[in-house]
Amino acid sequence: MSMAASLPSVYEPGQVENKWYEYWRENNYFAPRPDLEGEAFSIVMPPPNVTGSLHLGHALDNT
């Protein structure tokens, strides 16, 4: 079977995102872990440009 035949033609976020969100919740990915060793880090994502709409460049810059 080809890859194209197995992929849906339309993205249905409810079918994908709910599954992963529940997985993250069940595995405590949102809970802080102060006991872990290692260097702290942060990711800075500026707000979108107020003079225009979001576009593909925002996704490319922040992923």
N, C-alpha and C. Protein backbone atom coordinates (compact mmCIF):
# COMPACT_ATOMS: atom_id res chain seq x y z
N MET A 1 0.85 -1.17 0.00
CA MET A 1 0.00 0.00 0.00
C MET A 1 0.90 1.24 0.00
N SER A 2 0.53 2.23 -0.77
CA SER A 2 1.33 3.45 -0.83
C SER A 2 1.00 4.35 0.35
N MET A 3 1.92 5.25 0.66
CA MET A 3 1.72 6.18 1.77
C MET A 3 0.53 7.10 1.50
N ALA A 4 0.36 7.54 0.26
CA ALA A 4 -0.73 8.45 -0.08
C ALA A 4 -2.08 7.81 0.19
N ALA A 5 -2.21 6.53 -0.02
CA ALA A 5 -3.49 5.85 0.19
C ALA A 5 -3.84 5.75 1.67
N SER A 6 -2.85 5.76 2.56
CA SER A 6 -3.12 5.59 3.98
C SER A 6 -3.32 6.90 4.74
N LEU A 7 -3.04 8.02 4.13
CA LEU A 7 -3.21 9.31 4.79
C LEU A 7 -4.56 9.92 4.44
N PRO A 8 -5.25 10.50 5.42
CA PRO A 8 -6.51 11.17 5.10
C PRO A 8 -6.25 12.43 4.28
N SER A 9 -7.22 12.82 3.49
CA SER A 9 -7.05 14.00 2.65
C SER A 9 -7.27 15.30 3.42
N VAL A 10 -7.90 15.21 4.60
CA VAL A 10 -8.20 16.39 5.41
C VAL A 10 -7.71 16.13 6.83
N TYR A 11 -7.09 17.12 7.43
CA TYR A 11 -6.63 17.00 8.82
C TYR A 11 -7.81 17.22 9.75
N GLU A 12 -8.06 16.26 10.62
CA GLU A 12 -9.13 16.36 11.62
C GLU A 12 -8.46 16.50 12.99
N PRO A 13 -8.29 17.73 13.48
CA PRO A 13 -7.55 17.93 14.73
C PRO A 13 -8.16 17.21 15.92
N GLY A 14 -9.47 17.10 15.98
CA GLY A 14 -10.11 16.43 17.11
C GLY A 14 -9.70 14.98 17.24
N GLN A 15 -9.43 14.32 16.14
CA GLN A 15 -9.04 12.92 16.17
C GLN A 15 -7.59 12.75 16.61
N VAL A 16 -6.78 13.74 16.38
CA VAL A 16 -5.35 13.63 16.68
C VAL A 16 -5.01 14.30 18.01
N GLU A 17 -5.42 15.53 18.18
CA GLU A 17 -4.98 16.32 19.32
C GLU A 17 -5.54 15.82 20.64
N ASN A 18 -6.80 15.38 20.66
CA ASN A 18 -7.35 14.85 21.91
C ASN A 18 -6.60 13.62 22.38
N LYS A 19 -6.24 12.75 21.45
CA LYS A 19 -5.49 11.54 21.79
C LYS A 19 -4.15 11.89 22.44
N TRP A 20 -3.42 12.82 21.83
CA TRP A 20 -2.10 13.17 22.36
C TRP A 20 -2.20 13.97 23.65
N TYR A 21 -3.19 14.85 23.76
CA TYR A 21 -3.36 15.61 24.99
C TYR A 21 -3.62 14.68 26.16
N GLU A 22 -4.49 13.68 25.98
CA GLU A 22 -4.76 12.71 27.03
C GLU A 22 -3.50 11.92 27.39
N TYR A 23 -2.73 11.55 26.40
CA TYR A 23 -1.47 10.83 26.64
C TYR A 23 -0.53 11.68 27.50
N TRP A 24 -0.43 12.97 27.15
CA TRP A 24 0.44 13.87 27.92
C TRP A 24 -0.06 14.00 29.35
N ARG A 25 -1.38 14.14 29.53
CA ARG A 25 -1.94 14.26 30.88
C ARG A 25 -1.70 12.99 31.69
N GLU A 26 -1.97 11.83 31.10
CA GLU A 26 -1.80 10.56 31.80
C GLU A 26 -0.35 10.32 32.21
N ASN A 27 0.58 10.85 31.46
CA ASN A 27 2.01 10.66 31.75
C ASN A 27 2.63 11.85 32.46
N ASN A 28 1.80 12.76 32.97
CA ASN A 28 2.24 13.91 33.78
C ASN A 28 3.24 14.82 33.08
N TYR A 29 3.10 15.00 31.78
CA TYR A 29 4.01 15.88 31.06
C TYR A 29 3.83 17.35 31.43
N PHE A 30 2.69 17.71 32.01
CA PHE A 30 2.45 19.10 32.38
C PHE A 30 2.87 19.39 33.82
N ALA A 31 3.28 18.38 34.56
CA ALA A 31 3.67 18.55 35.96
C ALA A 31 5.14 18.96 36.03
N PRO A 32 5.47 19.91 36.91
CA PRO A 32 6.88 20.29 37.07
C PRO A 32 7.68 19.15 37.69
N ARG A 33 8.94 19.08 37.35
CA ARG A 33 9.84 18.04 37.88
C ARG A 33 11.09 18.70 38.47
N PRO A 34 10.96 19.34 39.63
CA PRO A 34 12.13 20.01 40.22
C PRO A 34 13.23 19.05 40.66
N ASP A 35 12.92 17.75 40.77
CA ASP A 35 13.91 16.77 41.21
C ASP A 35 14.86 16.36 40.09
N LEU A 36 14.55 16.68 38.86
CA LEU A 36 15.41 16.30 37.74
C LEU A 36 16.68 17.15 37.74
N GLU A 37 17.79 16.50 37.47
CA GLU A 37 19.05 17.24 37.36
C GLU A 37 19.25 17.70 35.93
N GLY A 38 20.02 18.74 35.77
CA GLY A 38 20.32 19.25 34.44
C GLY A 38 20.13 20.76 34.41
N GLU A 39 20.59 21.32 33.35
CA GLU A 39 20.53 22.76 33.19
C GLU A 39 19.13 23.20 32.75
N ALA A 40 18.61 24.25 33.37
CA ALA A 40 17.30 24.78 33.00
C ALA A 40 17.39 25.48 31.65
N PHE A 41 16.31 25.49 30.93
CA PHE A 41 16.27 26.19 29.65
C PHE A 41 14.89 26.80 29.45
N SER A 42 14.80 27.73 28.54
CA SER A 42 13.52 28.34 28.18
C SER A 42 13.51 28.63 26.69
N ILE A 43 12.32 28.75 26.15
CA ILE A 43 12.14 29.05 24.74
C ILE A 43 11.39 30.37 24.64
N VAL A 44 11.95 31.33 23.95
CA VAL A 44 11.32 32.63 23.80
C VAL A 44 10.58 32.66 22.47
N MET A 45 9.28 32.87 22.54
CA MET A 45 8.47 33.00 21.33
C MET A 45 7.77 34.36 21.40
N PRO A 46 8.16 35.29 20.58
CA PRO A 46 7.53 36.61 20.63
C PRO A 46 6.08 36.54 20.16
N PRO A 47 5.27 37.51 20.54
CA PRO A 47 3.89 37.52 20.07
C PRO A 47 3.86 37.74 18.56
N PRO A 48 2.76 37.35 17.91
CA PRO A 48 2.67 37.56 16.46
C PRO A 48 2.69 39.05 16.13
N ASN A 49 3.07 39.35 14.94
CA ASN A 49 3.12 40.72 14.47
C ASN A 49 1.71 41.32 14.53
N VAL A 50 1.56 42.43 15.25
CA VAL A 50 0.23 43.01 15.43
C VAL A 50 -0.28 43.70 14.17
N THR A 51 0.58 43.88 13.19
CA THR A 51 0.14 44.57 11.98
C THR A 51 -0.31 43.61 10.88
N GLY A 52 -0.29 42.30 11.16
CA GLY A 52 -0.68 41.35 10.13
C GLY A 52 -1.18 40.05 10.71
N SER A 53 -1.61 39.17 9.84
CA SER A 53 -2.12 37.86 10.25
C SER A 53 -0.98 36.87 10.40
N LEU A 54 -1.26 35.81 11.14
CA LEU A 54 -0.29 34.73 11.24
C LEU A 54 -0.07 34.11 9.87
N HIS A 55 1.15 33.66 9.61
CA HIS A 55 1.47 33.04 8.33
C HIS A 55 2.47 31.92 8.56
N LEU A 56 2.83 31.22 7.51
CA LEU A 56 3.73 30.08 7.61
C LEU A 56 5.07 30.44 8.24
N GLY A 57 5.54 31.63 8.03
CA GLY A 57 6.81 32.05 8.61
C GLY A 57 6.82 31.96 10.13
N HIS A 58 5.68 32.22 10.78
CA HIS A 58 5.62 32.08 12.23
C HIS A 58 5.88 30.64 12.63
N ALA A 59 5.30 29.70 11.94
CA ALA A 59 5.50 28.28 12.25
C ALA A 59 6.95 27.87 12.00
N LEU A 60 7.53 28.35 10.93
CA LEU A 60 8.90 27.98 10.61
C LEU A 60 9.90 28.56 11.60
N ASP A 61 9.64 29.77 12.08
CA ASP A 61 10.54 30.41 13.03
C ASP A 61 10.44 29.83 14.43
N ASN A 62 9.30 29.27 14.79
CA ASN A 62 9.05 28.88 16.18
C ASN A 62 8.88 27.38 16.38
N THR A 63 9.37 26.59 15.45
CA THR A 63 9.27 25.14 15.64
C THR A 63 10.64 24.51 15.56
